[in-house]
Amino acid sequence: MGYYFFKFIGKIFCLLPLKISLAIGRGIAKFFWIFLPAKRKNLAIENIKFCLNVDEKKAAEIAKISAVNLGEIFIEVLSFPKLKNMMKNYVKVVGLENLTNYINSSEREGRGAVIMTCHGDNWELMGGAFAQNGIPLVGVAKKQKSSGADKFVNEYRTLIGMHITYRKDVREMYKMMDEGHFIGLIMDQDVGRHDGVVVKFFNRATNFVTGAASMSRFKKIPIFPAFMHKNSDGTHTLEIFPPLIVEKTKDKRADIYKMTQILANLIENHIKKYPAEWFWLHDRWKSMRVEFSPEEVETLNKELGVRN
């Protein structure tokens, strides 16, 4: 039932001018913001205050804009059938040559690479921009709780040119890398204690996923950092940075930790530049709060050189 509902409203929004559709999306998100539990709002606001060193009023403003952005993301996904034909005008790509140079290089040897990003601006649209610019992208997705919503969003991701695999399908990811595909990994969400490594992020010990560094080290392939932001005219800019290579020494953990810290720094710098476009509603430090004792966190902060 959910699948057909999304298909129906998607067709309606594709008939409307995009600016009107986006305005409706923002309106819907503003409505839901009113009824969002205070606990979730306050968590976002407190994290913004700490990370960006701003006052309560500014933090609340950033939190609301970030939440309203989800309405635009939703509309843009529904508009994929229309955006597919106008992608190169809607998303300006800077640094595409970093990928194409690698694709055409002899060192590639037919292998793919990792593209690392975060939940900034519209990460779903970013995948479509890569695909529509000829990059064989594999989007790594979380399975939706609703089977109808999951079917719909994966159908639209495929429509825009992406191949989708679920987070648990690690074997398929490695197989597709060997076949020359680029694995898109969103690196900024919290993971369980035993699935990550603790690095310094916004001047606090933070549990970080290691997928990009682990894949790069194991397969001897580069990581391409890439981030997207919104322009004043409503379009977007996708910036692709030069490749990073994980050093392979006898200390595997140290190699992975070192690169993960580098990637965390890049994500932090991007968020500071476009703070209202990051997904602040996510409980980013939950595992540090729940799975680590206060004594462990204090020790880790000291080891990482966190300033009080």
Protein backbone atom coordinates (compact mmCIF):
# COMPACT_ATOMS: atom_id res chain seq x y z
CA MET A 1 0.00 0.00 0.00
CA GLY A 2 2.83 2.39 0.93
CA TYR A 3 4.56 1.76 -2.40
CA TYR A 4 1.54 2.84 -4.45
CA PHE A 5 0.96 5.85 -2.22
CA PHE A 6 4.50 7.14 -2.86
CA LYS A 7 4.17 6.42 -6.58
CA PHE A 8 0.92 8.40 -6.69
CA ILE A 9 2.21 11.49 -4.89
CA GLY A 10 5.46 11.26 -6.86
CA LYS A 11 3.51 11.58 -10.10
CA ILE A 12 1.63 14.58 -8.74
CA PHE A 13 4.79 16.41 -7.68
CA CYS A 14 6.44 15.68 -11.03
CA LEU A 15 3.57 17.53 -12.71
CA LEU A 16 4.10 20.62 -10.57
CA PRO A 17 6.85 23.19 -11.10
CA LEU A 18 9.82 22.17 -8.99
CA LYS A 19 9.89 25.43 -6.99
CA ILE A 20 6.27 24.91 -5.95
CA SER A 21 6.93 21.28 -5.02
CA LEU A 22 9.91 22.27 -2.88
CA ALA A 23 7.89 24.98 -1.15
CA ILE A 24 5.24 22.37 -0.30
CA GLY A 25 7.97 20.08 1.03
CA ARG A 26 9.32 22.82 3.28
CA GLY A 27 5.80 23.56 4.52
CA ILE A 28 5.19 19.92 5.40
CA ALA A 29 8.53 19.72 7.25
CA LYS A 30 7.78 22.93 9.21
CA PHE A 31 4.45 21.41 10.27
CA PHE A 32 6.10 18.21 11.50
CA TRP A 33 8.80 20.25 13.30
CA ILE A 34 6.07 21.69 15.55
CA PHE A 35 5.15 18.21 16.76
CA LEU A 36 8.64 16.75 16.95
CA PRO A 37 9.29 15.51 20.52
CA ALA A 38 11.05 18.13 22.64
CA LYS A 39 13.65 15.53 23.66
CA ARG A 40 14.80 15.11 20.05
CA LYS A 41 14.79 18.87 19.40
CA ASN A 42 16.76 19.60 22.55
CA LEU A 43 19.31 16.91 21.74
CA ALA A 44 19.97 18.52 18.35
CA ILE A 45 20.15 21.99 19.88
CA GLU A 46 22.59 20.93 22.61
CA ASN A 47 24.85 19.21 20.07
CA ILE A 48 24.81 22.30 17.85
CA LYS A 49 25.67 24.56 20.78
CA PHE A 50 28.61 22.35 21.71
CA CYS A 51 29.91 21.66 18.19
CA LEU A 52 29.52 25.14 16.73
CA ASN A 53 29.94 27.23 19.90
CA VAL A 54 26.74 29.20 19.32
CA ASP A 55 24.02 30.38 21.69
CA GLU A 56 20.63 28.74 22.28
CA LYS A 57 18.76 30.95 19.80
CA LYS A 58 21.20 30.33 16.95
CA ALA A 59 21.35 26.61 17.70
CA ALA A 60 17.55 26.35 17.60
CA GLU A 61 17.49 28.19 14.27
CA ILE A 62 20.07 25.82 12.76
CA ALA A 63 18.22 22.77 14.11
CA LYS A 64 14.94 23.89 12.54
CA ILE A 65 16.50 24.68 9.15
CA SER A 66 18.22 21.29 9.18
CA ALA A 67 14.91 19.55 9.88
CA VAL A 68 13.03 21.55 7.22
CA ASN A 69 15.71 20.50 4.73
CA LEU A 70 14.35 16.95 5.06
CA GLY A 71 11.15 18.13 3.38
CA GLU A 72 13.10 19.29 0.34
CA ILE A 73 15.07 16.04 0.26
CA PHE A 74 11.79 14.10 0.19
CA ILE A 75 10.42 16.20 -2.68
CA GLU A 76 13.62 15.94 -4.70
CA VAL A 77 13.55 12.14 -4.39
CA LEU A 78 9.92 12.10 -5.53
CA SER A 79 11.01 14.29 -8.46
CA PHE A 80 13.77 11.93 -9.66
CA PRO A 81 11.89 11.09 -12.90
CA LYS A 82 11.96 14.80 -13.77
CA LEU A 83 15.39 15.62 -12.31
CA LYS A 84 17.02 12.78 -14.24
CA ASN A 85 16.75 14.78 -17.45
CA MET A 86 18.02 18.03 -15.91
CA MET A 87 20.60 16.71 -13.45
CA LYS A 88 23.64 18.42 -14.97
CA ASN A 89 21.94 21.80 -14.66
CA TYR A 90 20.50 21.09 -11.22
CA VAL A 91 23.72 19.78 -9.66
CA LYS A 92 27.01 21.42 -10.60
CA VAL A 93 29.90 18.99 -10.19
CA VAL A 94 33.31 20.36 -9.23
CA GLY A 95 36.32 18.06 -9.34
CA LEU A 96 34.79 15.34 -11.51
CA GLU A 97 38.19 14.98 -13.16
CA ASN A 98 39.48 13.44 -9.93
CA LEU A 99 37.26 10.45 -10.63
CA THR A 100 37.59 10.35 -14.40
CA ASN A 101 41.39 10.55 -14.22
CA TYR A 102 41.37 7.51 -11.96
CA ILE A 103 38.90 5.66 -14.18
CA ASN A 104 41.16 6.23 -17.19
CA SER A 105 44.43 5.50 -15.39
CA SER A 106 46.49 2.36 -15.77
CA GLU A 107 46.85 2.02 -11.99
CA ARG A 108 43.14 1.32 -11.68
CA GLU A 109 43.45 -2.14 -13.24
CA GLY A 110 39.69 -2.42 -13.61
CA ARG A 111 39.02 -1.93 -9.92
CA GLY A 112 36.58 0.53 -8.41
CA ALA A 113 37.06 2.83 -5.44
CA VAL A 114 35.29 4.26 -2.40
CA ILE A 115 33.39 7.55 -2.37
CA MET A 116 33.08 8.92 1.16
CA THR A 117 30.48 11.50 2.18
CA CYS A 118 28.13 12.60 4.97
CA HIS A 119 24.47 13.44 5.55
CA GLY A 120 24.84 16.97 4.23
CA ASP A 121 22.39 18.70 1.87
CA ASN A 122 20.61 15.95 -0.15
CA TRP A 123 22.70 12.78 -0.05
CA GLU A 124 20.15 10.91 -2.19
CA LEU A 125 20.45 13.52 -4.94
CA MET A 126 24.23 13.27 -4.68
CA GLY A 127 24.08 9.61 -5.68
CA GLY A 128 21.97 10.52 -8.70
CA ALA A 129 24.42 13.24 -9.70
CA PHE A 130 27.30 10.76 -9.67
CA ALA A 131 25.33 8.23 -11.71
CA GLN A 132 24.14 10.79 -14.26
CA ASN A 133 27.73 11.94 -14.76
CA GLY A 134 28.82 8.45 -15.77
CA ILE A 135 30.21 7.19 -12.45
CA PRO A 136 29.24 3.53 -11.82
CA LEU A 137 28.01 4.12 -8.28
CA VAL A 138 26.82 1.54 -5.78
CA GLY A 139 24.75 3.21 -3.08
CA VAL A 140 24.95 1.46 0.29
CA ALA A 141 21.53 1.81 1.90
CA LYS A 142 19.78 1.02 5.14
CA LYS A 143 16.70 -1.13 4.65
CA GLN A 144 13.52 0.79 5.44
CA LYS A 145 11.13 -0.57 8.07
CA SER A 146 8.25 -0.23 5.60
CA SER A 147 8.64 -2.69 2.73
CA GLY A 148 6.58 -0.39 0.49
CA ALA A 149 8.79 2.63 1.21
CA ASP A 150 11.90 0.49 0.75
CA LYS A 151 10.70 -0.79 -2.62
CA PHE A 152 9.78 2.71 -3.77
CA VAL A 153 13.00 4.48 -2.79
CA ASN A 154 15.20 1.75 -4.25
CA GLU A 155 13.20 1.83 -7.48
CA TYR A 156 13.78 5.58 -7.75
CA ARG A 157 17.46 5.23 -6.85
CA THR A 158 17.78 2.70 -9.67
CA LEU A 159 15.82 4.99 -11.99
CA ILE A 160 18.36 7.76 -11.43
CA GLY A 161 21.21 5.39 -12.30
CA MET A 162 22.44 3.93 -9.02
CA HIS A 163 22.88 0.31 -8.06
CA ILE A 164 21.72 -0.30 -4.49
CA THR A 165 23.01 -2.78 -1.95
CA TYR A 166 22.23 -3.07 1.74
CA ARG A 167 24.75 -2.40 4.49
CA LYS A 168 25.03 -6.08 5.39
CA ASP A 169 25.87 -7.17 1.83
CA VAL A 170 29.60 -6.65 2.26
CA ARG A 171 30.41 -9.54 -0.07
CA GLU A 172 28.47 -7.89 -2.90
CA MET A 173 30.27 -4.58 -2.27
CA TYR A 174 33.69 -6.19 -2.66
CA LYS A 175 32.53 -8.08 -5.74
CA MET A 176 31.29 -4.91 -7.40
CA MET A 177 34.48 -3.04 -6.50
CA ASP A 178 36.42 -5.76 -8.29
CA GLU A 179 34.17 -5.17 -11.31
CA GLY A 180 35.01 -1.45 -11.37
CA HIS A 181 32.15 0.08 -9.39
CA PHE A 182 32.48 2.92 -6.89
CA ILE A 183 31.06 2.21 -3.45
CA GLY A 184 29.31 5.22 -1.92
CA LEU A 185 29.59 5.27 1.87
CA ILE A 186 27.93 7.79 4.18
CA MET A 187 30.34 7.96 7.09
CA ASP A 188 28.89 10.27 9.72
CA GLN A 189 26.28 8.24 11.61
CA ASP A 190 26.84 6.52 14.93
CA VAL A 191 27.63 2.82 15.06
CA GLY A 192 27.88 0.25 17.82
CA ARG A 193 30.96 0.14 19.98
CA HIS A 194 32.35 -2.96 18.28
CA ASP A 195 31.64 -1.69 14.75
CA GLY A 196 33.70 1.48 14.90
CA VAL A 197 36.81 3.21 16.17
CA VAL A 198 36.91 6.21 18.50
CA VAL A 199 38.36 9.35 16.92
CA LYS A 200 38.24 13.07 17.69
CA PHE A 201 35.22 14.76 16.12
CA PHE A 202 34.07 18.25 17.09
CA ASN A 203 36.49 18.17 20.02
CA ARG A 204 35.03 15.08 21.67
CA ALA A 205 35.63 11.35 21.53
CA THR A 206 33.30 9.97 18.88
CA ASN A 207 32.63 6.44 17.67
CA PHE A 208 33.18 6.38 13.89
CA VAL A 209 32.44 3.78 11.23
CA THR A 210 35.60 2.37 9.61
CA GLY A 211 34.16 1.01 6.36
CA ALA A 212 35.91 3.36 3.94
CA ALA A 213 39.35 2.95 5.52
CA SER A 214 38.96 -0.84 5.86
CA MET A 215 37.86 -1.32 2.25
CA SER A 216 40.59 0.94 0.92
CA ARG A 217 43.33 -0.80 2.87
CA PHE A 218 42.15 -4.33 2.03
CA LYS A 219 41.60 -3.76 -1.71
CA LYS A 220 44.39 -1.18 -2.18
CA ILE A 221 41.98 1.31 -3.73
CA PRO A 222 41.59 5.07 -3.18
CA ILE A 223 38.97 6.95 -1.19
CA PHE A 224 37.41 9.99 -2.87
CA PRO A 225 35.89 12.43 -0.34
CA ALA A 226 32.84 14.19 -1.79
CA PHE A 227 30.37 16.67 -0.31
CA MET A 228 27.36 18.55 -1.60
CA HIS A 229 25.87 21.89 -0.60
CA LYS A 230 22.93 24.01 -1.65
CA ASN A 231 23.36 27.16 -3.74
CA SER A 232 21.42 30.40 -3.19
CA ASP A 233 19.33 29.77 -6.33
CA GLY A 234 18.12 26.38 -5.07
CA THR A 235 20.50 24.28 -7.16
CA HIS A 236 23.33 22.25 -5.67
CA THR A 237 27.10 21.92 -5.96
CA LEU A 238 28.82 18.55 -5.59
CA GLU A 239 32.53 18.83 -4.84
CA ILE A 240 34.81 15.83 -5.35
CA PHE A 241 38.24 15.94 -3.74
CA PRO A 242 41.51 14.24 -4.77
CA PRO A 243 41.91 10.61 -3.71
CA LEU A 244 43.27 9.46 -0.36
CA ILE A 245 45.24 6.25 0.04
CA VAL A 246 45.35 4.22 3.25
CA GLU A 247 48.89 3.41 4.27
CA LYS A 248 49.37 -0.33 4.70
CA THR A 249 51.78 -1.17 7.51
CA LYS A 250 52.00 -4.13 9.86
CA ASP A 251 49.61 -2.35 12.24
CA LYS A 252 46.22 -2.73 10.58
CA ARG A 253 44.30 -1.03 13.38
CA ALA A 254 46.61 1.99 13.36
CA ASP A 255 46.30 2.32 9.59
CA ILE A 256 42.50 2.27 9.75
CA TYR A 257 42.40 4.62 12.72
CA LYS A 258 44.67 7.16 11.02
CA MET A 259 42.57 7.34 7.86
CA THR A 260 39.28 7.38 9.76
CA GLN A 261 40.51 10.41 11.71
CA ILE A 262 41.39 12.16 8.45
CA LEU A 263 37.90 11.47 7.08
CA ALA A 264 36.30 12.64 10.32
CA ASN A 265 38.22 15.91 10.04
CA LEU A 266 37.00 16.43 6.48
CA ILE A 267 33.39 15.82 7.50
CA GLU A 268 33.73 18.19 10.45
CA ASN A 269 35.15 20.94 8.24
CA HIS A 270 32.28 20.54 5.77
CA ILE A 271 29.67 20.70 8.53
CA LYS A 272 31.23 23.86 9.96
CA LYS A 273 31.03 25.43 6.51
CA TYR A 274 27.38 24.45 5.93
CA PRO A 275 26.02 23.76 9.44
CA ALA A 276 22.31 24.06 8.64
CA GLU A 277 22.55 21.38 5.95
CA TRP A 278 23.72 18.55 8.25
CA PHE A 279 21.33 16.02 9.78
CA TRP A 280 21.51 17.21 13.40
CA LEU A 281 18.45 15.21 14.50
CA HIS A 282 20.54 12.04 14.46
CA ASP A 283 21.76 11.04 17.96
CA ARG A 284 25.40 11.15 16.87
CA TRP A 285 27.01 10.42 20.25
CA LYS A 286 24.58 7.77 21.52
CA SER A 287 27.07 4.88 21.59
CA MET A 288 29.57 6.98 23.55
CA ARG A 289 26.84 7.75 26.07
CA VAL A 290 25.30 4.27 26.26
CA GLU A 291 28.05 1.74 25.47
CA PHE A 292 31.07 3.45 27.06
CA SER A 293 31.41 4.23 30.75
CA PRO A 294 32.08 7.86 31.80
CA GLU A 295 35.57 6.78 32.90
CA GLU A 296 36.28 5.27 29.47
CA VAL A 297 35.08 8.41 27.71
CA GLU A 298 37.25 10.58 29.95
CA THR A 299 40.29 8.43 29.21
CA LEU A 300 39.61 8.50 25.47
CA ASN A 301 39.20 12.27 25.51
CA LYS A 302 42.57 12.62 27.22
CA GLU A 303 44.22 10.26 24.71
CA LEU A 304 42.74 12.25 21.81
CA GLY A 305 43.85 15.58 23.27
CA VAL A 306 40.32 16.90 23.69
CA ARG A 307 40.30 20.42 25.14
CA ASN A 308 37.84 21.22 27.91
